[in-house]
């Protein structure tokens, strides 16, 4: 039985107590971007930049620190950022502002600007640190030593899914994250509307002036949303988004824009975006693709026989794979036994080979049926397991006799390990065939997203992600959807 529940946890916050000393914030406060994420045989290397907005100068790494943290519900691993020179001062500086003093802390951007000259960084996560059969989530932490601020945020970046076979420990490690850049939300005040992807770009201006303070320069409205994202490009480690705008009159003494059709640019430093939190998946006991074939029988001279039509391949990570015929001595014009060899390779480079034997026989001879079945790899407790999935039976004389297949034993989906699953079929002439395949039941991968201590929590001010519940919070659950069981009955209540 599968049960689907949608819950929202409403929390009353009693005192501002950060989790593990770090307060979870959004990209408005902890500004960052991941420029590169590479998974190799020795580990994962991330390169990017980050800083705490409206806090202090980020010029001396002894005055601030940061780390990438990965966690799986059982433990956390922390990797310090190695900071390097990368200057984000100009892009964050608002129009007509002066530099903040060395001892002026937590000033608004409209008051003064901070030097951000050492905000680039690199970090390496060794594969040897990772536990087997688990999923890690990734977050970024930053600490400003002068102000005492300590913040963390979930890491999201744009990258193709990467996988590698860790041959030393016989496992597959995958790095995944998805950045949804089709919906951008402006998260800062006084963000200029630029004509090109550069902080030095010409600014858009209005025909009208809304005040002497801001003149006729056009600004984005904080928290405005843009769905018309035309394209993006990376300029000096910053992603710029080209969006559509139109003038929207005056707002808070500024000439402002809203979504429209005129192309304009905004850097990633001033927007929030959605996406999938970066994860590292580690799967132990990795098997190569399973080639799905069975020996065949054909009549002498049957030139329509195509062995490729009787072969498929499936991989637990990649799904369906096209097997390649590597060698064959098949000759349908001479009675005898022949072979056709196939190979299939998955995305992490593991190759499996199988041989199909083809018997060429004289027409009129009764031949035994053929069962075609695929060995399966499932996770413990997978109640969707079907022993007859992708199982077929054919007979040269009777044709398709799949409905005559008998499953000879059961699989215990709670018992981790390799189990044997056997089938039996008999044709109309009394000839029979028995075939056994393997079902490998793997330990279930721990996914911290679904652990109670890592649900999404909200209070009236903001959203918190994948955090333990602080001891001084009180909670109430509200069921937004009734529980519908597989039988169709509805079970009401609080869960």
Protein backbone atom coordinates (compact mmCIF):
# COMPACT_ATOMS: atom_id res chain seq x y z
CA UNK A 1 0.00 0.00 0.00
CA UNK A 2 1.29 3.43 -0.92
CA UNK A 3 0.10 6.45 1.03
CA UNK A 4 0.62 10.01 -0.11
CA UNK A 5 0.39 12.80 2.47
CA UNK A 6 0.86 16.52 2.00
CA UNK A 7 1.59 18.40 5.22
CA UNK A 8 2.38 21.95 6.12
CA UNK A 9 4.01 22.53 9.48
CA UNK A 10 3.10 25.88 11.00
CA UNK A 11 5.47 26.97 13.71
CA UNK A 12 5.43 29.62 16.37
CA UNK A 13 8.91 30.89 16.95
CA UNK A 14 9.83 31.64 20.53
CA UNK A 15 13.09 33.55 20.45
CA UNK A 16 15.50 33.95 17.57
CA UNK A 17 17.61 30.78 17.99
CA UNK A 18 19.65 29.74 14.92
CA UNK A 19 20.10 26.04 14.14
CA UNK A 20 23.65 24.85 14.98
CA UNK A 21 24.60 28.51 15.45
CA UNK A 22 23.80 29.32 11.81
CA UNK A 23 20.56 30.98 10.79
CA UNK A 24 18.97 29.68 7.57
CA UNK A 25 18.47 32.56 5.14
CA UNK A 26 17.76 33.14 1.49
CA UNK A 27 19.98 34.43 -1.27
CA UNK A 28 19.11 38.02 -0.43
CA UNK A 29 21.28 37.84 2.69
CA UNK A 30 23.78 35.11 1.80
CA UNK A 31 24.63 36.01 -1.78
CA UNK A 32 26.34 33.24 -3.75
CA UNK A 33 26.79 31.48 -7.06
CA UNK A 34 28.34 28.12 -7.96
CA UNK A 35 30.35 28.62 -11.16
CA UNK A 36 31.69 25.09 -11.52
CA UNK A 37 30.84 21.66 -10.08
CA UNK A 38 33.01 18.75 -11.23
CA UNK A 39 32.75 15.12 -10.14
CA UNK A 40 35.97 13.14 -10.67
CA UNK A 41 37.49 9.89 -9.42
CA UNK A 42 39.03 11.53 -6.33
CA UNK A 43 36.10 13.73 -5.34
CA UNK A 44 33.85 16.71 -6.04
CA UNK A 45 35.36 20.13 -6.68
CA UNK A 46 33.18 23.24 -6.41
CA UNK A 47 34.18 26.76 -7.41
CA UNK A 48 32.12 29.85 -6.76
CA UNK A 49 31.77 33.01 -4.75
CA UNK A 50 29.76 34.14 -1.72
CA UNK A 51 29.45 36.88 0.87
CA UNK A 52 27.02 38.17 3.47
CA UNK A 53 25.19 41.22 2.17
CA UNK A 54 25.14 44.53 4.03
CA UNK A 55 27.48 43.21 6.72
CA UNK A 56 31.18 44.12 6.58
CA UNK A 57 34.13 44.37 4.21
CA UNK A 58 35.21 41.04 2.69
CA UNK A 59 38.86 41.78 1.93
CA UNK A 60 40.78 39.80 4.56
CA UNK A 61 39.92 36.06 4.91
CA UNK A 62 40.94 36.19 8.57
CA UNK A 63 37.85 38.34 9.16
CA UNK A 64 35.35 35.87 7.67
CA UNK A 65 35.02 32.17 6.94
CA UNK A 66 32.82 29.77 5.05
CA UNK A 67 32.25 26.12 4.32
CA UNK A 68 30.26 23.65 2.29
CA UNK A 69 28.32 21.23 4.49
CA UNK A 70 26.84 17.95 3.29
CA UNK A 71 24.46 16.01 5.52
CA UNK A 72 22.36 12.87 5.31
CA UNK A 73 20.23 12.84 8.44
CA UNK A 74 22.80 10.77 10.36
CA UNK A 75 25.86 12.98 10.23
CA UNK A 76 27.32 16.13 8.71
CA UNK A 77 30.59 16.69 6.91
CA UNK A 78 32.06 20.20 6.68
CA UNK A 79 34.64 21.41 4.15
CA UNK A 80 36.21 24.89 4.59
CA UNK A 81 36.16 27.24 1.62
CA UNK A 82 39.57 28.32 0.33
CA UNK A 83 39.06 31.97 -0.52
CA UNK A 84 40.74 33.68 -3.47
CA UNK A 85 40.68 37.09 -5.08
CA UNK A 86 37.44 37.90 -6.86
CA UNK A 87 36.04 41.41 -6.75
CA UNK A 88 32.26 41.82 -6.54
CA UNK A 89 32.38 45.38 -5.21
CA UNK A 90 31.34 47.19 -8.37
CA UNK A 91 28.40 44.95 -9.16
CA UNK A 92 26.93 45.36 -5.64
CA UNK A 93 27.59 49.10 -5.35
CA UNK A 94 24.41 51.12 -5.63
CA UNK A 95 24.28 54.37 -7.55
CA UNK A 96 25.82 57.45 -5.86
CA UNK A 97 26.95 55.69 -2.67
CA UNK A 98 30.29 56.04 -0.88
CA UNK A 99 32.45 53.38 0.78
CA UNK A 100 31.46 52.22 4.28
CA UNK A 101 34.05 52.91 6.96
CA UNK A 102 36.16 50.05 8.30
CA UNK A 103 34.16 50.01 11.53
CA UNK A 104 30.77 50.71 10.00
CA UNK A 105 28.89 47.43 10.11
CA UNK A 106 25.47 46.28 8.89
CA UNK A 107 24.83 49.37 6.81
CA UNK A 108 22.16 49.31 4.13
CA UNK A 109 23.27 49.37 0.54
CA UNK A 110 21.63 52.74 0.01
CA UNK A 111 23.83 54.21 2.79
CA UNK A 112 27.26 52.96 1.68
CA UNK A 113 28.96 50.01 0.00
CA UNK A 114 31.39 47.36 1.26
CA UNK A 115 34.57 46.15 -0.44
CA UNK A 116 34.08 42.58 -1.69
CA UNK A 117 37.48 41.76 -3.13
CA UNK A 118 38.19 38.26 -1.71
CA UNK A 119 34.89 36.45 -2.16
CA UNK A 120 35.89 33.78 -4.70
CA UNK A 121 36.52 30.29 -3.38
CA UNK A 122 37.19 26.64 -4.14
CA UNK A 123 36.39 23.53 -2.11
CA UNK A 124 37.01 19.80 -2.52
CA UNK A 125 34.91 16.91 -1.15
CA UNK A 126 36.82 13.57 -1.23
CA UNK A 127 34.76 10.56 -2.31
CA UNK A 128 36.45 8.54 0.44
CA UNK A 129 34.51 10.56 3.05
CA UNK A 130 31.10 9.51 1.75
CA UNK A 131 29.02 6.76 3.34
CA UNK A 132 27.53 3.99 1.21
CA UNK A 133 23.86 3.82 0.25
CA UNK A 134 22.86 7.32 1.24
CA UNK A 135 21.92 10.72 -0.11
CA UNK A 136 23.63 13.90 1.03
CA UNK A 137 22.11 17.36 0.76
CA UNK A 138 24.38 20.37 0.37
CA UNK A 139 24.34 23.76 2.04
CA UNK A 140 26.65 26.78 2.21
CA UNK A 141 27.68 28.43 5.49
CA UNK A 142 29.28 31.86 5.96
CA UNK A 143 30.44 33.67 9.08
CA UNK A 144 31.30 37.39 9.31
CA UNK A 145 33.69 37.66 12.26
CA UNK A 146 33.42 41.45 12.67
CA UNK A 147 29.62 41.43 12.99
CA UNK A 148 29.19 37.97 14.49
CA UNK A 149 26.69 37.01 11.80
CA UNK A 150 26.47 33.32 10.87
CA UNK A 151 24.21 32.25 8.03
CA UNK A 152 23.54 29.18 5.93
CA UNK A 153 21.54 28.49 2.78
CA UNK A 154 20.78 25.55 0.51
CA UNK A 155 23.05 25.16 -2.50
CA UNK A 156 21.44 25.22 -5.95
CA UNK A 157 23.37 25.39 -9.19
CA UNK A 158 22.90 24.79 -12.91
CA UNK A 159 24.61 21.56 -13.95
CA UNK A 160 24.03 18.39 -15.87
CA UNK A 161 23.70 15.32 -13.66
CA UNK A 162 27.12 13.70 -13.18
CA UNK A 163 27.88 10.09 -12.19
CA UNK A 164 31.07 8.15 -11.69
CA UNK A 165 31.93 4.55 -10.80
CA UNK A 166 34.01 4.53 -7.62
CA UNK A 167 35.79 1.28 -8.45
CA UNK A 168 37.80 1.21 -5.20
CA UNK A 169 34.60 0.76 -3.18
CA UNK A 170 32.36 -0.70 -5.90
CA UNK A 171 29.72 2.02 -5.90
CA UNK A 172 28.28 4.79 -8.02
CA UNK A 173 28.46 8.42 -6.85
CA UNK A 174 26.14 10.95 -8.49
CA UNK A 175 26.05 14.75 -8.22
CA UNK A 176 22.74 16.42 -9.02
CA UNK A 177 21.22 19.87 -8.86
CA UNK A 178 18.75 21.75 -11.00
CA UNK A 179 18.51 25.51 -11.33
CA UNK A 180 15.13 26.77 -12.55
CA UNK A 181 16.00 30.04 -14.26
CA UNK A 182 12.54 30.44 -15.80
CA UNK A 183 11.24 32.38 -12.80
CA UNK A 184 13.34 35.13 -11.22
CA UNK A 185 12.44 37.26 -8.20
CA UNK A 186 14.26 40.54 -7.54
CA UNK A 187 15.49 40.39 -3.92
CA UNK A 188 17.18 43.80 -3.46
CA UNK A 189 16.22 47.46 -3.42
CA UNK A 190 17.62 50.02 -5.87
CA UNK A 191 18.66 47.54 -8.56
CA UNK A 192 19.40 49.39 -11.79
CA UNK A 193 17.93 48.28 -15.11
CA UNK A 194 20.88 47.72 -17.46
CA UNK A 195 20.97 47.51 -21.25
CA UNK A 196 23.88 45.05 -21.36
CA UNK A 197 25.37 42.28 -19.19
CA UNK A 198 27.93 44.39 -17.32
CA UNK A 199 28.05 46.54 -14.19
CA UNK A 200 29.46 49.30 -16.42
CA UNK A 201 26.57 49.00 -18.85
CA UNK A 202 24.44 51.93 -19.89
CA UNK A 203 21.38 52.22 -17.62
CA UNK A 204 17.87 52.52 -18.91
CA UNK A 205 16.30 55.91 -18.22
CA UNK A 206 12.73 57.15 -18.28
CA UNK A 207 11.35 60.20 -20.04
CA UNK A 208 10.06 61.29 -16.66
CA UNK A 209 11.70 62.01 -13.30
CA UNK A 210 9.95 60.72 -10.19
CA UNK A 211 12.10 62.64 -7.69
CA UNK A 212 15.25 64.71 -7.41
CA UNK A 213 16.83 61.91 -5.35
CA UNK A 214 16.57 59.17 -7.97
CA UNK A 215 16.07 61.20 -11.12
CA UNK A 216 14.90 59.39 -14.24
CA UNK A 217 17.06 56.25 -13.93
CA UNK A 218 14.93 53.07 -14.07
CA UNK A 219 14.94 50.57 -11.19
CA UNK A 220 13.56 47.10 -10.58
CA UNK A 221 10.91 46.79 -7.85
CA UNK A 222 11.98 44.56 -4.97
CA UNK A 223 10.10 41.23 -4.92
CA UNK A 224 8.83 41.69 -8.48
CA UNK A 225 8.73 38.45 -10.51
CA UNK A 226 9.92 37.86 -14.07
CA UNK A 227 8.81 34.82 -16.05
CA UNK A 228 9.96 36.08 -19.44
CA UNK A 229 13.61 35.02 -19.10
CA UNK A 230 15.02 35.31 -22.62
CA UNK A 231 18.53 33.94 -22.08
CA UNK A 232 21.58 34.18 -19.82
CA UNK A 233 25.33 34.56 -20.07
CA UNK A 234 28.24 34.39 -17.63
CA UNK A 235 30.44 37.49 -17.38
CA UNK A 236 33.42 37.44 -14.99
CA UNK A 237 31.97 34.65 -12.81
CA UNK A 238 28.52 36.23 -12.57
CA UNK A 239 25.46 34.96 -14.43
CA UNK A 240 23.43 37.71 -16.10
CA UNK A 241 19.81 37.14 -17.08
CA UNK A 242 18.14 38.83 -20.01
CA UNK A 243 14.51 39.49 -19.17
CA UNK A 244 11.63 41.46 -20.65
CA UNK A 245 10.61 44.77 -19.01
CA UNK A 246 8.32 47.76 -19.47
CA UNK A 247 8.06 51.10 -17.68
CA UNK A 248 5.60 51.11 -14.79
CA UNK A 249 5.59 54.76 -13.64
CA UNK A 250 6.73 55.95 -10.23
CA UNK A 251 7.02 53.84 -7.09
CA UNK A 252 8.50 55.10 -3.80
CA UNK A 253 9.92 58.14 -5.64
CA UNK A 254 11.67 55.94 -8.24
CA UNK A 255 11.00 55.34 -11.92
CA UNK A 256 10.39 51.59 -12.04
CA UNK A 257 9.77 48.71 -14.42
CA UNK A 258 7.70 45.55 -14.43
CA UNK A 259 7.67 42.51 -16.69
CA UNK A 260 7.24 43.35 -20.36
CA UNK A 261 8.87 42.82 -23.74
CA UNK A 262 11.79 45.28 -23.81
CA UNK A 263 15.08 43.35 -23.25
CA UNK A 264 17.10 44.27 -20.15
CA UNK A 265 19.74 42.59 -17.97
CA UNK A 266 19.99 41.77 -14.25
CA UNK A 267 22.84 39.89 -12.49
CA UNK A 268 22.36 36.81 -10.31
CA UNK A 269 23.51 38.83 -7.28
CA UNK A 270 20.12 40.54 -7.13
CA UNK A 271 17.70 37.67 -7.81
CA UNK A 272 16.30 34.61 -6.10
CA UNK A 273 15.67 31.55 -8.20
CA UNK A 274 14.09 28.17 -7.66
CA UNK A 275 15.55 24.75 -8.21
CA UNK A 276 16.53 21.41 -6.75
CA UNK A 277 18.91 21.44 -3.78
CA UNK A 278 22.26 19.91 -4.69
CA UNK A 279 22.51 16.24 -3.71
CA UNK A 280 25.23 13.61 -3.67
CA UNK A 281 23.85 10.08 -4.08
CA UNK A 282 25.99 7.07 -3.17
CA UNK A 283 24.76 3.63 -4.23
CA UNK A 284 26.69 0.55 -3.12
CA UNK A 285 26.74 -2.88 -4.79
CA UNK A 286 26.55 -1.39 -8.24
CA UNK A 287 25.74 -3.68 -11.11
CA UNK A 288 26.18 -3.05 -14.77
CA UNK A 289 23.30 -3.00 -17.25
CA UNK A 290 21.15 -6.10 -17.44
CA UNK A 291 20.86 -7.44 -20.99
CA UNK A 292 17.45 -8.88 -21.57
CA UNK A 293 17.63 -11.81 -24.06
CA UNK A 294 16.95 -15.51 -24.44
CA UNK A 295 18.07 -18.16 -26.90
CA UNK A 296 16.03 -18.29 -30.11
CA UNK A 297 14.88 -20.94 -32.60
CA UNK A 298 14.16 -20.18 -36.27
CA UNK A 299 13.22 -22.27 -39.28
CA UNK A 300 15.77 -22.95 -41.97
CA UNK A 301 15.85 -20.15 -44.54
CA UNK A 302 13.92 -17.59 -42.44
CA UNK A 303 15.66 -14.44 -43.66
CA UNK A 304 13.16 -12.23 -41.80
CA UNK A 305 14.64 -13.22 -38.43
CA UNK A 306 16.26 -10.25 -36.69
CA UNK A 307 18.10 -11.14 -33.45
CA UNK A 308 18.20 -7.47 -32.39
CA UNK A 309 14.41 -7.50 -32.07
CA UNK A 310 14.75 -9.98 -29.20
CA UNK A 311 17.29 -8.03 -27.13
CA UNK A 312 16.84 -5.18 -24.68
CA UNK A 313 19.00 -3.74 -21.91
CA UNK A 314 18.10 -1.94 -18.70
CA UNK A 315 20.22 -0.12 -16.14
CA UNK A 316 19.06 0.81 -12.62
CA UNK A 317 20.49 4.32 -12.93
CA UNK A 318 20.12 5.05 -16.65
CA UNK A 319 16.96 3.14 -17.50
CA UNK A 320 16.67 1.66 -20.99
CA UNK A 321 19.97 1.24 -22.88
CA UNK A 322 20.37 0.16 -26.49
CA UNK A 323 22.55 -3.00 -26.63
CA UNK A 324 25.14 -3.22 -29.41
CA UNK A 325 25.84 -6.38 -31.43
CA UNK A 326 29.59 -7.00 -31.12
CA UNK A 327 30.06 -10.32 -32.96
CA UNK A 328 28.02 -13.10 -34.62
CA UNK A 329 28.33 -16.23 -36.79
CA UNK A 330 24.59 -16.54 -37.52
CA UNK A 331 23.61 -18.30 -40.79
CA UNK A 332 19.88 -19.03 -41.20
CA UNK A 333 20.51 -21.02 -44.40
CA UNK A 334 22.23 -23.92 -42.64
CA UNK A 335 20.82 -26.08 -39.82
CA UNK A 336 22.86 -25.70 -36.65
CA UNK A 337 23.53 -23.64 -33.52
CA UNK A 338 24.93 -20.11 -33.83
CA UNK A 339 25.75 -17.23 -31.49
CA UNK A 340 25.18 -13.47 -31.43
CA UNK A 341 27.10 -11.47 -28.79
CA UNK A 342 25.78 -8.19 -27.35
CA UNK A 343 27.27 -5.50 -25.09
CA UNK A 344 25.66 -2.65 -23.15
CA UNK A 345 27.47 0.17 -21.32
CA UNK A 346 25.92 2.54 -18.78
CA UNK A 347 26.75 6.20 -18.12
CA UNK A 348 29.40 5.38 -15.50
CA UNK A 349 31.30 3.07 -17.85
CA UNK A 350 30.24 -0.38 -16.60
CA UNK A 351 29.82 -2.81 -19.50
CA UNK A 352 27.84 -6.05 -19.54
CA UNK A 353 28.03 -8.70 -22.27
CA UNK A 354 25.65 -11.55 -23.05
CA UNK A 355 25.45 -14.21 -25.77
CA UNK A 356 22.29 -15.27 -27.57
CA UNK A 357 22.32 -18.75 -29.10
CA UNK A 358 20.19 -19.26 -32.20
CA UNK A 359 19.16 -22.76 -33.30
CA UNK A 360 18.26 -23.06 -36.99
CA UNK A 361 15.89 -26.05 -37.35
CA UNK A 362 13.85 -27.79 -40.07
CA UNK A 363 10.21 -26.75 -40.34
CA UNK A 364 7.84 -29.36 -38.91
CA UNK A 365 9.94 -30.28 -35.90
CA UNK A 366 8.29 -29.45 -32.56
CA UNK A 367 10.55 -27.12 -30.61
CA UNK A 368 10.40 -26.16 -26.91
CA UNK A 369 9.08 -22.72 -25.90
CA UNK A 370 11.33 -19.81 -24.97
CA UNK A 371 10.99 -17.71 -21.81
CA UNK A 372 12.47 -14.23 -21.89
CA UNK A 373 12.91 -12.66 -18.44
CA UNK A 374 15.02 -9.88 -16.99
CA UNK A 375 16.94 -10.06 -13.73
CA UNK A 376 15.81 -7.19 -11.53
CA UNK A 377 17.39 -4.82 -9.02
CA UNK A 378 15.01 -3.33 -6.46
CA UNK A 379 15.23 -1.53 -3.12
CA UNK A 380 14.10 -3.07 0.15
CA UNK A 381 10.37 -2.65 0.74
CA UNK A 382 9.56 -1.81 -2.90
CA UNK A 383 5.92 -2.95 -2.97
CA UNK A 384 5.65 -2.04 -6.65
CA UNK A 385 7.79 -5.07 -7.52
CA UNK A 386 6.06 -7.23 -10.15
CA UNK A 387 7.60 -10.70 -10.80
CA UNK A 388 6.03 -10.79 -14.29
CA UNK A 389 7.31 -7.38 -15.37
CA UNK A 390 8.93 -7.67 -18.82
CA UNK A 391 8.55 -11.47 -18.83
CA UNK A 392 7.46 -13.10 -22.11
CA UNK A 393 7.12 -16.61 -23.51
CA UNK A 394 7.07 -17.54 -27.21
CA UNK A 395 6.90 -20.81 -29.09
CA UNK A 396 7.88 -21.36 -32.69
CA UNK A 397 4.66 -23.31 -33.33
CA UNK A 398 2.19 -21.71 -30.87
CA UNK A 399 3.38 -18.09 -31.03
CA UNK A 400 2.93 -15.88 -27.95
CA UNK A 401 2.18 -17.99 -24.87
CA UNK A 402 3.04 -15.37 -22.23
CA UNK A 403 -0.31 -15.93 -20.51
CA UNK A 404 0.73 -19.53 -19.82
CA UNK A 405 3.74 -18.56 -17.67
CA UNK A 406 3.73 -19.86 -14.09
CA UNK A 407 5.76 -18.08 -11.36
CA UNK A 408 7.27 -20.89 -9.30
CA UNK A 409 8.29 -18.98 -6.14
CA UNK A 410 7.99 -15.64 -4.32
CA UNK A 411 10.50 -12.86 -3.59
CA UNK A 412 10.81 -11.43 -0.07
CA UNK A 413 11.13 -7.68 -0.70
CA UNK A 414 12.22 -7.13 2.93
CA UNK A 415 15.20 -9.50 2.66
CA UNK A 416 18.31 -7.68 1.39
CA UNK A 417 20.42 -9.79 -0.96
CA UNK A 418 20.23 -11.81 -4.17
CA UNK A 419 17.21 -14.11 -4.51
CA UNK A 420 16.26 -16.52 -7.29
CA UNK A 421 12.96 -16.13 -9.17
CA UNK A 422 11.86 -19.02 -11.42
CA UNK A 423 9.32 -19.36 -14.23
CA UNK A 424 7.76 -22.35 -16.03
CA UNK A 425 5.83 -22.61 -19.31
CA UNK A 426 4.59 -25.51 -21.48
CA UNK A 427 3.54 -25.48 -25.15
CA UNK A 428 0.65 -27.31 -26.83
CA UNK A 429 2.94 -30.17 -27.82
CA UNK A 430 3.89 -30.90 -24.22
CA UNK A 431 7.39 -29.44 -24.40
CA UNK A 432 8.28 -27.20 -21.47
CA UNK A 433 10.82 -24.59 -20.46
CA UNK A 434 12.00 -23.45 -17.03
CA UNK A 435 14.04 -20.28 -16.45
CA UNK A 436 15.41 -18.69 -13.27
CA UNK A 437 16.67 -15.11 -12.93
CA UNK A 438 18.16 -13.10 -10.07
CA UNK A 439 16.37 -10.41 -8.08
CA UNK A 440 18.84 -8.27 -6.12
CA UNK A 441 17.19 -6.49 -3.17
CA UNK A 442 19.35 -3.50 -2.18
CA UNK A 443 19.25 -1.52 1.09
CA UNK A 444 17.01 1.50 0.73
CA UNK A 445 18.89 4.76 0.11
CA UNK A 446 18.37 7.16 3.00
CA UNK A 447 16.84 10.39 1.75
CA UNK A 448 17.02 13.12 4.42
CA UNK A 449 14.40 15.17 2.60
CA UNK A 450 11.73 12.80 3.89
CA UNK A 451 12.94 12.49 7.46
CA UNK A 452 10.73 14.22 10.00
CA UNK A 453 13.65 16.24 11.35
CA UNK A 454 14.26 17.66 7.89
CA UNK A 455 10.80 18.69 6.73
CA UNK A 456 10.19 22.18 5.40
CA UNK A 457 9.05 24.54 8.14
CA UNK A 458 7.48 27.95 7.83
CA UNK A 459 6.63 30.73 10.20
CA UNK A 460 4.97 34.04 9.42
CA UNK A 461 8.24 35.64 8.32
CA UNK A 462 10.11 33.17 6.14
CA UNK A 463 10.66 29.60 4.97
CA UNK A 464 13.20 27.24 6.56
CA UNK A 465 14.59 24.23 4.70
CA UNK A 466 15.76 20.81 5.92
CA UNK A 467 16.55 21.87 9.49
CA UNK A 468 16.20 20.19 12.84
CA UNK A 469 13.40 21.68 14.91
CA UNK A 470 14.83 24.15 17.47
CA UNK A 471 13.94 23.15 21.02
CA UNK A 472 12.07 26.39 21.73
CA UNK A 473 9.75 26.12 18.74
CA UNK A 474 6.24 24.80 19.15
CA UNK A 475 4.55 23.08 16.22
CA UNK A 476 1.11 22.31 14.88
CA UNK A 477 0.31 20.04 11.94
CA UNK A 478 -2.46 20.77 9.47
CA UNK A 479 -3.49 18.11 6.97
CA UNK A 480 -4.10 19.63 3.55
CA UNK A 481 -5.01 16.36 1.86
CA UNK A 482 -6.86 13.29 3.08
CA UNK A 483 -4.99 9.99 2.97
CA UNK A 484 -6.25 7.89 0.07
CA UNK A 485 -5.33 4.23 0.36
CA UNK A 486 -4.66 1.95 -2.60
CA UNK A 487 -8.06 0.33 -2.00
CA UNK A 488 -9.73 3.67 -2.70
CA UNK A 489 -10.95 4.21 0.88
CA UNK A 490 -10.33 7.55 2.57
CA UNK A 491 -8.73 7.68 5.99
CA UNK A 492 -9.08 11.03 7.74
CA UNK A 493 -7.08 12.42 10.60
CA UNK A 494 -3.79 14.01 11.54
CA UNK A 495 -0.57 12.19 10.68
